C-alpha atoms as a PDB file:
ATOM      1  CA  MET A   1     -78.018 -44.959 -68.942  1.00  0.00           C
ATOM      2  CA  ARG A   2     -80.190 -42.625 -67.094  1.00  0.00           C
ATOM      3  CA  ILE A   3     -79.392 -44.462 -63.981  1.00  0.00           C
ATOM      4  CA  PHE A   4     -75.785 -44.247 -64.857  1.00  0.00           C
ATOM      5  CA  ILE A   5     -76.053 -40.499 -65.407  1.00  0.00           C
ATOM      6  CA  LEU A   6     -78.045 -40.171 -62.241  1.00  0.00           C
ATOM      7  CA  PHE A   7     -75.444 -42.196 -60.449  1.00  0.00           C
ATOM      8  CA  ILE A   8     -72.622 -39.997 -61.821  1.00  0.00           C
ATOM      9  CA  PHE A   9     -74.591 -36.923 -60.926  1.00  0.00           C
ATOM     10  CA  ALA A  10     -75.148 -38.208 -57.392  1.00  0.00           C
ATOM     11  CA  TYR A  11     -71.533 -39.244 -57.137  1.00  0.00           C
ATOM     12  CA  THR A  12     -70.217 -35.859 -58.305  1.00  0.00           C
ATOM     13  CA  SER A  13     -72.643 -34.104 -55.980  1.00  0.00           C
ATOM     14  CA  LEU A  14     -71.394 -36.178 -53.105  1.00  0.00           C
ATOM     15  CA  MET A  15     -67.815 -35.462 -54.077  1.00  0.00           C
ATOM     16  CA  ALA A  16     -68.573 -31.760 -54.392  1.00  0.00           C
ATOM     17  CA  LEU A  17     -70.143 -31.843 -50.947  1.00  0.00           C
ATOM     18  CA  GLN A  18     -67.082 -33.574 -49.494  1.00  0.00           C
ATOM     19  CA  THR A  19     -64.825 -31.055 -51.240  1.00  0.00           C
ATOM     20  CA  SER A  20     -66.965 -28.269 -49.842  1.00  0.00           C
ATOM     21  CA  ASP A  21     -66.628 -29.771 -46.339  1.00  0.00           C
ATOM     22  CA  ARG A  22     -62.873 -30.013 -46.826  1.00  0.00           C
ATOM     23  CA  LEU A  23     -62.743 -26.408 -47.986  1.00  0.00           C
ATOM     24  CA  PHE A  24     -64.777 -25.397 -44.968  1.00  0.00           C
ATOM     25  CA  ASP A  25     -62.342 -27.345 -42.698  1.00  0.00           C
ATOM     26  CA  CYS A  26     -59.345 -25.654 -44.390  1.00  0.00           C
ATOM     27  CA  THR A  27     -60.961 -22.248 -43.953  1.00  0.00           C
ATOM     28  CA  GLU A  28     -61.502 -22.983 -40.262  1.00  0.00           C
ATOM     29  CA  ILE A  29     -57.883 -24.135 -39.891  1.00  0.00           C
ATOM     30  CA  PHE A  30     -56.658 -20.992 -41.651  1.00  0.00           C
ATOM     31  CA  LYS A  31     -58.826 -18.798 -39.392  1.00  0.00           C
ATOM     32  CA  GLU A  32     -57.424 -20.522 -36.300  1.00  0.00           C
ATOM     33  CA  ARG A  33     -53.885 -20.235 -37.601  1.00  0.00           C
ATOM     34  CA  LYS A  34     -54.519 -16.583 -38.480  1.00  0.00           C
ATOM     35  CA  SER A  35     -55.585 -15.811 -34.917  1.00  0.00           C
ATOM     36  CA  GLU A  36     -52.525 -17.683 -33.581  1.00  0.00           C
ATOM     37  CA  LEU A  37     -50.292 -15.684 -35.917  1.00  0.00           C
ATOM     38  CA  LEU A  38     -51.942 -12.421 -34.829  1.00  0.00           C
ATOM     39  CA  VAL A  39     -51.284 -13.308 -31.183  1.00  0.00           C
ATOM     40  CA  GLU A  40     -47.667 -14.193 -32.038  1.00  0.00           C
ATOM     41  CA  LEU A  41     -47.294 -10.961 -34.014  1.00  0.00           C
ATOM     42  CA  GLU A  42     -48.674  -8.988 -31.059  1.00  0.00           C
ATOM     43  CA  ARG A  43     -46.192 -10.745 -28.737  1.00  0.00           C
ATOM     44  CA  ILE A  44     -43.304  -9.959 -31.111  1.00  0.00           C
ATOM     45  CA  ASP A  45     -44.431  -6.323 -31.287  1.00  0.00           C
ATOM     46  CA  GLU A  46     -44.479  -6.114 -27.466  1.00  0.00           C
ATOM     47  CA  GLN A  47     -40.976  -7.616 -27.316  1.00  0.00           C
ATOM     48  CA  LYS A  48     -39.808  -5.173 -29.965  1.00  0.00           C
ATOM     49  CA  GLN A  49     -41.173  -2.265 -27.913  1.00  0.00           C
ATOM     50  CA  ALA A  50     -39.564  -3.639 -24.735  1.00  0.00           C
ATOM     51  CA  LEU A  51     -36.259  -4.039 -26.566  1.00  0.00           C
ATOM     52  CA  SER A  52     -36.504  -0.498 -27.881  1.00  0.00           C
ATOM     53  CA  ALA A  53     -37.195   0.833 -24.368  1.00  0.00           C
ATOM     54  CA  LEU A  54     -34.270  -1.193 -23.010  1.00  0.00           C
ATOM     55  CA  LYS A  55     -32.014   0.172 -25.742  1.00  0.00           C
ATOM     56  CA  ILE A  56     -33.000   3.761 -24.907  1.00  0.00           C
ATOM     57  CA  ALA A  57     -32.503   3.170 -21.180  1.00  0.00           C
ATOM     58  CA  THR A  58     -29.116   1.568 -21.819  1.00  0.00           C
ATOM     59  CA  GLU A  59     -28.020   4.481 -24.022  1.00  0.00           C
ATOM     60  CA  GLU A  60     -29.106   6.986 -21.343  1.00  0.00           C
ATOM     61  CA  LEU A  61     -27.252   5.023 -18.662  1.00  0.00           C
ATOM     62  CA  LEU A  62     -24.171   4.891 -20.859  1.00  0.00           C
ATOM     63  CA  LYS A  63     -24.343   8.658 -21.432  1.00  0.00           C
ATOM     64  CA  LYS A  64     -24.643   9.266 -17.665  1.00  0.00           C
ATOM     65  CA  LYS A  65     -21.668   6.994 -16.996  1.00  0.00           C
ATOM     66  CA  GLU A  66     -19.630   8.749 -19.689  1.00  0.00           C
ATOM     67  CA  ILE A  67     -20.467  12.118 -18.114  1.00  0.00           C
ATOM     68  CA  ARG A  68     -19.434  10.839 -14.664  1.00  0.00           C
ATOM     69  CA  LEU A  69     -16.263   9.372 -16.118  1.00  0.00           C
ATOM     70  CA  THR A  70     -15.432  12.652 -17.839  1.00  0.00           C
ATOM     71  CA  GLN A  71     -16.017  14.529 -14.581  1.00  0.00           C
ATOM     72  CA  LYS A  72     -13.785  12.110 -12.674  1.00  0.00           C
ATOM     73  CA  GLU A  73     -11.098  12.417 -15.367  1.00  0.00           C
ATOM     74  CA  GLU A  74     -11.250  16.201 -15.001  1.00  0.00           C
ATOM     75  CA  VAL A  75     -10.841  15.887 -11.218  1.00  0.00           C
ATOM     76  CA  VAL A  76      -7.882  13.530 -11.678  1.00  0.00           C
ATOM     77  CA  ASP A  77      -6.332  15.883 -14.262  1.00  0.00           C
ATOM     78  CA  ARG A  78      -6.727  18.850 -11.894  1.00  0.00           C
ATOM     79  CA  LYS A  79      -5.168  16.897  -9.035  1.00  0.00           C
ATOM     80  CA  LEU A  80      -2.352  15.719 -11.286  1.00  0.00           C
ATOM     81  CA  THR A  81      -1.694  19.310 -12.357  1.00  0.00           C
ATOM     82  CA  GLU A  82      -1.789  20.395  -8.722  1.00  0.00           C
ATOM     83  CA  ILE A  83       0.612  17.612  -7.725  1.00  0.00           C
ATOM     84  CA  THR A  84       2.961  18.459 -10.591  1.00  0.00           C
ATOM     85  CA  THR A  85       2.920  22.119  -9.580  1.00  0.00           C
ATOM     86  CA  LYS A  86       3.648  21.214  -5.958  1.00  0.00           C
ATOM     87  CA  GLU A  87       6.376  18.809  -7.032  1.00  0.00           C
ATOM     88  CA  ASN A  88       8.059  21.525  -9.101  1.00  0.00           C
ATOM     89  CA  SER A  89       7.737  23.951  -6.205  1.00  0.00           C
ATOM     90  CA  ILE A  90       9.287  21.415  -3.834  1.00  0.00           C
ATOM     91  CA  LYS A  91      12.136  20.775  -6.278  1.00  0.00           C
ATOM     92  CA  LYS A  92      12.823  24.518  -6.466  1.00  0.00           C
ATOM     93  CA  MET A  93      12.745  24.796  -2.659  1.00  0.00           C
ATOM     94  CA  LEU A  94      15.030  21.798  -2.319  1.00  0.00           C
ATOM     95  CA  LYS A  95      17.490  23.274  -4.805  1.00  0.00           C
ATOM     96  CA  ARG A  96      17.354  26.599  -2.983  1.00  0.00           C
ATOM     97  CA  ASN A  97      17.856  24.850   0.378  1.00  0.00           C
ATOM     98  CA  GLU A  98      20.851  22.966  -1.009  1.00  0.00           C
ATOM     99  CA  GLU A  99      22.348  26.239  -2.228  1.00  0.00           C
ATOM    100  CA  VAL A 100      21.737  27.865   1.168  1.00  0.00           C
ATOM    101  CA  LEU A 101      23.259  24.839   2.929  1.00  0.00           C
ATOM    102  CA  LYS A 102      26.289  24.943   0.658  1.00  0.00           C
ATOM    103  CA  GLU A 103      26.648  28.675   1.247  1.00  0.00           C
ATOM    104  CA  THR A 104      26.315  28.138   5.005  1.00  0.00           C
ATOM    105  CA  LYS A 105      28.969  25.421   4.926  1.00  0.00           C
ATOM    106  CA  ASN A 106      31.262  27.713   2.959  1.00  0.00           C
ATOM    107  CA  ILE A 107      30.733  30.537   5.455  1.00  0.00           C
ATOM    108  CA  LYS A 108      31.310  28.131   8.333  1.00  0.00           C
ATOM    109  CA  MET A 109      34.433  26.758   6.688  1.00  0.00           C
ATOM    110  CA  ASP A 110      35.716  30.304   6.045  1.00  0.00           C
ATOM    111  CA  LYS A 111      35.240  31.186   9.713  1.00  0.00           C
ATOM    112  CA  ILE A 112      36.980  27.992  10.804  1.00  0.00           C
ATOM    113  CA  ALA A 113      39.769  28.680   8.329  1.00  0.00           C
ATOM    114  CA  GLN A 114      40.133  32.231   9.659  1.00  0.00           C
ATOM    115  CA  THR A 115      40.268  30.888  13.192  1.00  0.00           C
ATOM    116  CA  PHE A 116      42.932  28.305  12.338  1.00  0.00           C
ATOM    117  CA  ALA A 117      44.865  30.887  10.286  1.00  0.00           C
ATOM    118  CA  LYS A 118      45.069  33.139  13.378  1.00  0.00           C
ATOM    119  CA  MET A 119      46.213  30.284  15.650  1.00  0.00           C
ATOM    120  CA  LYS A 120      49.805  29.340  16.279  1.00  0.00           C
ATOM    121  CA  ALA A 121      50.911  26.365  14.155  1.00  0.00           C
ATOM    122  CA  GLY A 122      51.534  24.122  17.191  1.00  0.00           C
ATOM    123  CA  ALA A 123      48.068  24.691  18.698  1.00  0.00           C
ATOM    124  CA  ALA A 124      46.378  24.178  15.322  1.00  0.00           C
ATOM    125  CA  ALA A 125      48.411  20.987  14.791  1.00  0.00           C
ATOM    126  CA  ASN A 126      47.307  19.586  18.178  1.00  0.00           C
ATOM    127  CA  ILE A 127      43.617  20.318  17.475  1.00  0.00           C
ATOM    128  CA  LEU A 128      43.715  18.912  13.924  1.00  0.00           C
ATOM    129  CA  SER A 129      45.552  15.780  15.130  1.00  0.00           C
ATOM    130  CA  ASP A 130      42.611  14.941  17.396  1.00  0.00           C
ATOM    131  CA  MET A 131      40.051  15.343  14.575  1.00  0.00           C
ATOM    132  CA  GLU A 132      39.013  12.772  11.997  1.00  0.00           C
ATOM    133  CA  ALA A 133      41.347  12.853   9.027  1.00  0.00           C
ATOM    134  CA  GLN A 134      38.651  13.862   6.512  1.00  0.00           C
ATOM    135  CA  GLU A 135      37.453  16.826   8.596  1.00  0.00           C
ATOM    136  CA  ALA A 136      40.992  17.949   9.312  1.00  0.00           C
ATOM    137  CA  ALA A 137      41.840  17.723   5.600  1.00  0.00           C
ATOM    138  CA  SER A 138      38.836  19.848   4.637  1.00  0.00           C
ATOM    139  CA  ILE A 139      39.910  22.531   7.152  1.00  0.00           C
ATOM    140  CA  LEU A 140      43.503  22.450   5.900  1.00  0.00           C
ATOM    141  CA  HIS A 141      42.252  22.649   2.323  1.00  0.00           C
ATOM    142  CA  SER A 142      40.634  26.022   3.074  1.00  0.00           C
ATOM    143  CA  LEU A 143      43.885  27.487   4.472  1.00  0.00           C
ATOM    144  CA  LYS A 144      46.736  29.098   2.570  1.00  0.00           C
ATOM    145  CA  PRO A 145      49.513  26.675   1.561  1.00  0.00           C
ATOM    146  CA  LYS A 146      52.097  28.469   3.717  1.00  0.00           C
ATOM    147  CA  THR A 147      49.903  28.092   6.823  1.00  0.00           C
ATOM    148  CA  VAL A 148      49.191  24.425   5.981  1.00  0.00           C
ATOM    149  CA  GLY A 149      52.908  23.768   5.724  1.00  0.00           C
ATOM    150  CA  LYS A 150      53.603  25.306   9.167  1.00  0.00           C
ATOM    151  CA  ILE A 151      50.792  23.240  10.768  1.00  0.00           C
ATOM    152  CA  LEU A 152      51.870  19.955   9.124  1.00  0.00           C
ATOM    153  CA  THR A 153      55.456  20.412  10.342  1.00  0.00           C
ATOM    154  CA  LYS A 154      54.203  20.610  13.934  1.00  0.00           C
ATOM    155  CA  MET A 155      52.131  17.373  13.607  1.00  0.00           C
ATOM    156  CA  ASP A 156      53.012  13.748  14.098  1.00  0.00           C
ATOM    157  CA  ALA A 157      54.561  12.463  10.850  1.00  0.00           C
ATOM    158  CA  LYS A 158      52.019   9.669  10.319  1.00  0.00           C
ATOM    159  CA  LYS A 159      49.032  11.973  10.790  1.00  0.00           C
ATOM    160  CA  ALA A 160      50.669  14.623   8.571  1.00  0.00           C
ATOM    161  CA  SER A 161      51.212  12.054   5.784  1.00  0.00           C
ATOM    162  CA  VAL A 162      47.557  10.893   5.945  1.00  0.00           C
ATOM    163  CA  LEU A 163      46.351  14.508   5.765  1.00  0.00           C
ATOM    164  CA  THR A 164      48.756  15.270   2.895  1.00  0.00           C
ATOM    165  CA  LEU A 165      47.349  12.325   0.907  1.00  0.00           C
ATOM    166  CA  LEU A 166      43.790  13.553   1.555  1.00  0.00           C
ATOM    167  CA  LEU A 167      44.748  17.081   0.459  1.00  0.00           C
ATOM    168  CA  ALA A 168      46.200  15.670  -2.785  1.00  0.00           C
ATOM    169  CA  LYS A 169      42.840  14.186  -3.807  1.00  0.00           C
END
């Protein structure tokens, strides 16, 4: 029995030694893994810092682009306002020019009408017969009806009828 106890004692000692070796191996594995994890953690931290720096740089770039865009929008708005102002000015000038042109045409037509009113009916009829019907009608339209009647009686009947139809419009 002593041998048996000695054998059990030797066996348990051997087992304890093997367990101790296994524990030592596990501790070594954990130390190696710990150093690997520390290296990985350091790499992740570096990437996190790089990402943070990239984020800041991107935000600054975005702010600069927004400022440039705002400045360009202001330039476009100023030019648009300037163009609108010029367009309104041109419209006013065009309207004024049309009024002046109309007034000039009226003055011209009055002078022509005065000239034809002073002419003898036969001479006026000859001149108006040689003109285009529309122009002749506009001149006759500016004359007094009595004068128009005298001129039309001195004209060729066909031409007088065409001018009468144009005057009726």
